[in-house]
Protein backbone atom coordinates (compact mmCIF):
# COMPACT_ATOMS: atom_id res chain seq x y z
CA UNK A 1 -59.11 15.28 31.63
CA UNK A 2 -56.80 17.53 34.19
CA UNK A 3 -54.78 19.90 31.82
CA UNK A 4 -51.54 18.90 34.73
CA UNK A 5 -52.03 15.35 33.80
CA UNK A 6 -52.18 15.45 29.77
CA UNK A 7 -49.22 17.48 30.53
CA UNK A 8 -48.05 14.99 31.99
CA UNK A 9 -48.55 13.03 29.69
CA UNK A 10 -47.53 14.70 26.79
CA UNK A 11 -44.23 15.38 28.59
CA UNK A 12 -43.79 11.18 29.16
CA UNK A 13 -44.35 11.15 25.61
CA UNK A 14 -42.33 13.41 24.35
CA UNK A 15 -38.72 11.79 26.58
CA UNK A 16 -39.61 8.28 25.18
CA UNK A 17 -39.61 9.10 21.57
CA UNK A 18 -36.15 11.34 22.45
CA UNK A 19 -35.20 8.26 24.23
CA UNK A 20 -36.31 6.00 22.22
CA UNK A 21 -34.60 8.28 19.00
CA UNK A 22 -31.41 8.55 20.74
CA UNK A 23 -31.36 4.56 21.58
CA UNK A 24 -32.23 3.66 18.09
CA UNK A 25 -29.65 6.26 16.55
CA UNK A 26 -27.39 4.85 19.06
CA UNK A 27 -27.66 0.69 17.99
CA UNK A 28 -27.75 2.35 14.30
CA UNK A 29 -24.09 4.73 14.73
CA UNK A 30 -22.42 1.43 17.02
CA UNK A 31 -23.90 -1.41 13.91
CA UNK A 32 -22.36 1.37 11.21
CA UNK A 33 -19.04 1.69 13.73
CA UNK A 34 -18.80 -2.52 13.46
CA UNK A 35 -19.38 -2.82 9.76
CA UNK A 36 -17.09 -0.19 9.01
CA UNK A 37 -14.28 -1.85 11.44
CA UNK A 38 -15.48 -5.26 10.27
CA UNK A 39 -14.66 -3.66 6.19
CA UNK A 40 -11.71 -2.16 7.22
CA UNK A 41 -10.56 -5.92 8.95
CA UNK A 42 -11.99 -7.93 5.47
CA UNK A 43 -10.30 -4.94 3.48
CA UNK A 44 -6.30 -5.32 6.01
CA UNK A 45 -7.04 -9.37 4.90
CA UNK A 46 -7.20 -8.74 1.57
CA UNK A 47 -3.72 -5.98 1.40
CA UNK A 48 -2.54 -8.86 2.96
CA UNK A 49 -2.95 -10.68 0.94
CA UNK A 50 -2.56 -9.14 -2.11
CA UNK A 51 0.98 -8.57 -0.21
CA UNK A 52 1.81 -11.89 0.20
CA UNK A 53 0.52 -13.29 -3.64
CA UNK A 54 2.56 -9.97 -5.26
CA UNK A 55 5.86 -11.80 -2.83
CA UNK A 56 5.24 -14.87 -3.99
CA UNK A 57 4.97 -13.74 -7.45
CA UNK A 58 7.86 -11.03 -7.16
CA UNK A 59 10.03 -14.76 -5.04
CA UNK A 60 9.10 -16.88 -8.99
CA UNK A 61 10.01 -14.57 -11.16
CA UNK A 62 13.83 -13.01 -9.34
CA UNK A 63 13.38 -17.25 -9.53
CA UNK A 64 13.17 -17.25 -12.92
CA UNK A 65 15.61 -14.85 -13.68
CA UNK A 66 18.46 -16.63 -11.54
CA UNK A 67 17.66 -19.55 -13.34
CA UNK A 68 18.09 -17.51 -16.85
CA UNK A 69 21.37 -16.81 -16.05
CA UNK A 70 22.34 -19.72 -15.19
CA UNK A 71 25.12 -21.19 -17.59
CA UNK A 72 25.57 -24.85 -17.89
CA UNK A 73 29.07 -25.38 -17.64
CA UNK A 74 30.91 -29.14 -18.08
CA UNK A 75 33.85 -29.62 -15.74
CA UNK A 76 35.48 -31.36 -18.82
CA UNK A 77 37.72 -34.76 -18.65
CA UNK A 78 41.68 -33.22 -17.54
CA UNK A 79 43.57 -37.13 -18.27
CA UNK A 80 45.19 -36.39 -14.14
CA UNK A 81 46.82 -40.25 -14.89
CA UNK A 82 50.84 -38.99 -14.16
CA UNK A 83 49.62 -36.40 -11.28
CA UNK A 84 50.20 -36.36 -7.62
CA UNK A 85 48.27 -37.16 -4.76
CA UNK A 86 48.21 -34.44 -1.73
CA UNK A 87 46.18 -35.78 1.43
CA UNK A 88 44.84 -34.28 4.04
CA UNK A 89 44.25 -36.36 7.39
CA UNK A 90 42.58 -34.29 8.68
CA UNK A 91 39.63 -32.98 7.00
CA UNK A 92 40.01 -36.14 5.36
CA UNK A 93 41.18 -35.45 1.68
CA UNK A 94 42.55 -36.19 -1.59
CA UNK A 95 42.88 -34.30 -4.55
CA UNK A 96 45.40 -34.88 -7.33
CA UNK A 97 47.45 -32.00 -8.66
CA UNK A 98 50.27 -31.89 -11.91
CA UNK A 99 54.06 -32.54 -11.71
CA UNK A 100 56.23 -29.50 -11.88
CA UNK A 101 53.26 -27.26 -9.43
CA UNK A 102 54.04 -28.01 -5.47
CA UNK A 103 51.50 -26.78 -2.70
CA UNK A 104 52.44 -24.50 0.09
CA UNK A 105 51.02 -21.15 1.84
CA UNK A 106 48.55 -23.10 4.33
CA UNK A 107 46.70 -20.57 5.89
CA UNK A 108 44.65 -21.66 9.95
CA UNK A 109 42.39 -19.64 12.38
CA UNK A 110 39.09 -21.22 13.94
CA UNK A 111 36.76 -20.06 10.73
CA UNK A 112 38.95 -21.74 8.42
CA UNK A 113 41.55 -23.35 6.88
CA UNK A 114 43.50 -23.26 3.05
CA UNK A 115 45.71 -24.28 1.38
CA UNK A 116 47.38 -22.72 -2.27
CA UNK A 117 48.65 -24.84 -5.60
CA UNK A 118 50.90 -23.58 -8.38
CA UNK A 119 53.79 -24.40 -10.44
CA UNK A 120 56.68 -24.18 -8.24
CA UNK A 121 58.10 -20.74 -7.57
CA UNK A 122 55.54 -18.93 -9.33
CA UNK A 123 52.60 -16.79 -7.88
CA UNK A 124 50.06 -14.54 -9.42
CA UNK A 125 49.44 -11.06 -9.32
CA UNK A 126 46.15 -10.13 -8.42
CA UNK A 127 45.18 -6.41 -7.20
CA UNK A 128 48.28 -5.92 -5.42
CA UNK A 129 48.81 -8.92 -4.24
CA UNK A 130 50.66 -12.61 -5.26
CA UNK A 131 48.17 -15.09 -5.13
CA UNK A 132 48.16 -18.90 -5.50
CA UNK A 133 46.48 -20.22 -9.01
CA UNK A 134 44.10 -22.54 -6.99
CA UNK A 135 43.64 -22.91 -3.29
CA UNK A 136 41.78 -25.60 -1.40
CA UNK A 137 39.67 -23.64 1.30
CA UNK A 138 37.41 -24.84 4.29
CA UNK A 139 35.33 -22.63 5.84
CA UNK A 140 33.81 -23.35 8.68
CA UNK A 141 30.88 -22.99 11.59
CA UNK A 142 28.63 -21.89 8.48
CA UNK A 143 24.67 -24.29 7.06
CA UNK A 144 23.71 -24.85 3.44
CA UNK A 145 21.12 -21.35 4.51
CA UNK A 146 23.33 -19.18 4.54
CA UNK A 147 25.62 -20.42 1.82
CA UNK A 148 22.69 -20.56 -0.28
CA UNK A 149 22.17 -17.21 0.59
CA UNK A 150 25.03 -16.09 0.34
CA UNK A 151 24.82 -17.98 -3.52
CA UNK A 152 22.40 -15.94 -4.81
CA UNK A 153 24.05 -13.08 -3.75
CA UNK A 154 26.45 -13.73 -5.80
CA UNK A 155 24.15 -14.03 -8.69
CA UNK A 156 22.10 -11.16 -8.10
CA UNK A 157 24.55 -8.63 -7.79
CA UNK A 158 27.44 -10.14 -9.14
CA UNK A 159 26.22 -11.75 -12.05
CA UNK A 160 28.07 -15.27 -11.38
CA UNK A 161 26.69 -18.14 -13.38
CA UNK A 162 26.35 -21.31 -11.39
CA UNK A 163 25.63 -24.77 -12.54
CA UNK A 164 24.50 -27.84 -10.36
CA UNK A 165 27.92 -30.54 -11.05
CA UNK A 166 28.95 -34.33 -9.13
CA UNK A 167 32.24 -34.98 -9.17
CA UNK A 168 32.83 -38.50 -7.51
CA UNK A 169 29.16 -38.70 -6.25
CA UNK A 170 29.32 -35.78 -4.23
CA UNK A 171 26.75 -32.68 -5.04
CA UNK A 172 28.85 -28.44 -5.69
CA UNK A 173 28.28 -26.26 -7.40
CA UNK A 174 30.36 -24.43 -10.09
CA UNK A 175 30.59 -21.33 -10.62
CA UNK A 176 32.21 -18.96 -13.09
CA UNK A 177 32.30 -14.80 -12.94
CA UNK A 178 33.50 -13.73 -9.35
CA UNK A 179 36.48 -15.90 -10.07
CA UNK A 180 35.97 -19.76 -10.53
CA UNK A 181 35.30 -22.99 -9.17
CA UNK A 182 33.43 -25.35 -6.89
CA UNK A 183 31.63 -24.90 -4.09
CA UNK A 184 31.04 -27.85 -2.39
CA UNK A 185 28.72 -27.29 1.31
CA UNK A 186 28.21 -29.18 4.71
CA UNK A 187 26.61 -32.18 3.56
CA UNK A 188 26.50 -35.07 5.44
CA UNK A 189 28.68 -36.33 8.61
CA UNK A 190 30.51 -33.20 7.89
CA UNK A 191 30.74 -29.51 9.92
CA UNK A 192 32.38 -27.48 6.13
CA UNK A 193 32.26 -26.32 3.39
CA UNK A 194 34.81 -26.68 1.13
CA UNK A 195 36.22 -24.47 -2.04
CA UNK A 196 38.85 -25.37 -5.52
CA UNK A 197 38.65 -22.33 -7.07
CA UNK A 198 40.97 -19.47 -8.60
CA UNK A 199 40.48 -16.19 -8.57
CA UNK A 200 43.64 -14.91 -10.92
CA UNK A 201 42.35 -15.78 -14.58
CA UNK A 202 41.79 -12.65 -14.96
CA UNK A 203 43.17 -12.62 -19.08
CA UNK A 204 42.45 -14.83 -21.41
CA UNK A 205 46.78 -16.42 -21.45
CA UNK A 206 46.43 -17.32 -17.35
CA UNK A 207 42.78 -18.74 -17.75
CA UNK A 208 44.13 -20.64 -20.57
CA UNK A 209 46.95 -22.59 -18.15
CA UNK A 210 44.88 -22.48 -14.77
CA UNK A 211 41.66 -23.60 -15.66
CA UNK A 212 42.25 -27.07 -16.71
CA UNK A 213 44.42 -28.00 -14.01
CA UNK A 214 41.03 -26.48 -12.06
CA UNK A 215 39.01 -28.63 -14.00
CA UNK A 216 41.97 -31.88 -13.40
CA UNK A 217 42.06 -30.73 -9.59
CA UNK A 218 38.44 -30.81 -8.94
CA UNK A 219 37.44 -33.88 -10.91
CA UNK A 220 40.35 -35.76 -9.32
CA UNK A 221 38.76 -34.53 -5.32
CA UNK A 222 37.19 -36.77 -3.29
CA UNK A 223 36.48 -37.83 0.78
CA UNK A 224 38.52 -40.15 2.39
CA UNK A 225 36.58 -40.29 5.44
């Protein structure tokens, strides 16, 4: 066979082997990259699943912790038969308050409305200011979701104790530890949240005088429309 032909054939075979080897290497490399990418995606999914699972577990622990903080508070039965009535036609509610007490200090803007109740000509000193014993406060433009976030913050940050109660078939949340009172979230046919509360019960003496009135007012509260 001609030597030139032999060299040519050898060259072609050599190139074929080189090209084939390169293609095999490239395919193997690409496949490895694909496998690695798939593996990374699987790891990312697993990590996300683990993070989600951890978040759920943490949330469950938080909920359990919050539930452990909740103290079942009983709103005592108070005789309000000789109390006077305060009714508000604009917001559609009535509440009783004791003889010898009066209401006043009405405050109103486009976000809230409030009225204070105290013994006649008496206010309480608290943080450098004079306050009524009990306040009814109406807050507009806040839905139940925002209310629950606020309540959760009170529990976690301020250690407030909360229990769910029903007053005249109205669901509310009685709380102590950051003032004391009941919050009635926005309910059907109402575009506002109501609270009946006291912030001045900082001593045993004041608490002994004010708590029965606060709870009696809460028990008597009802919507009229």
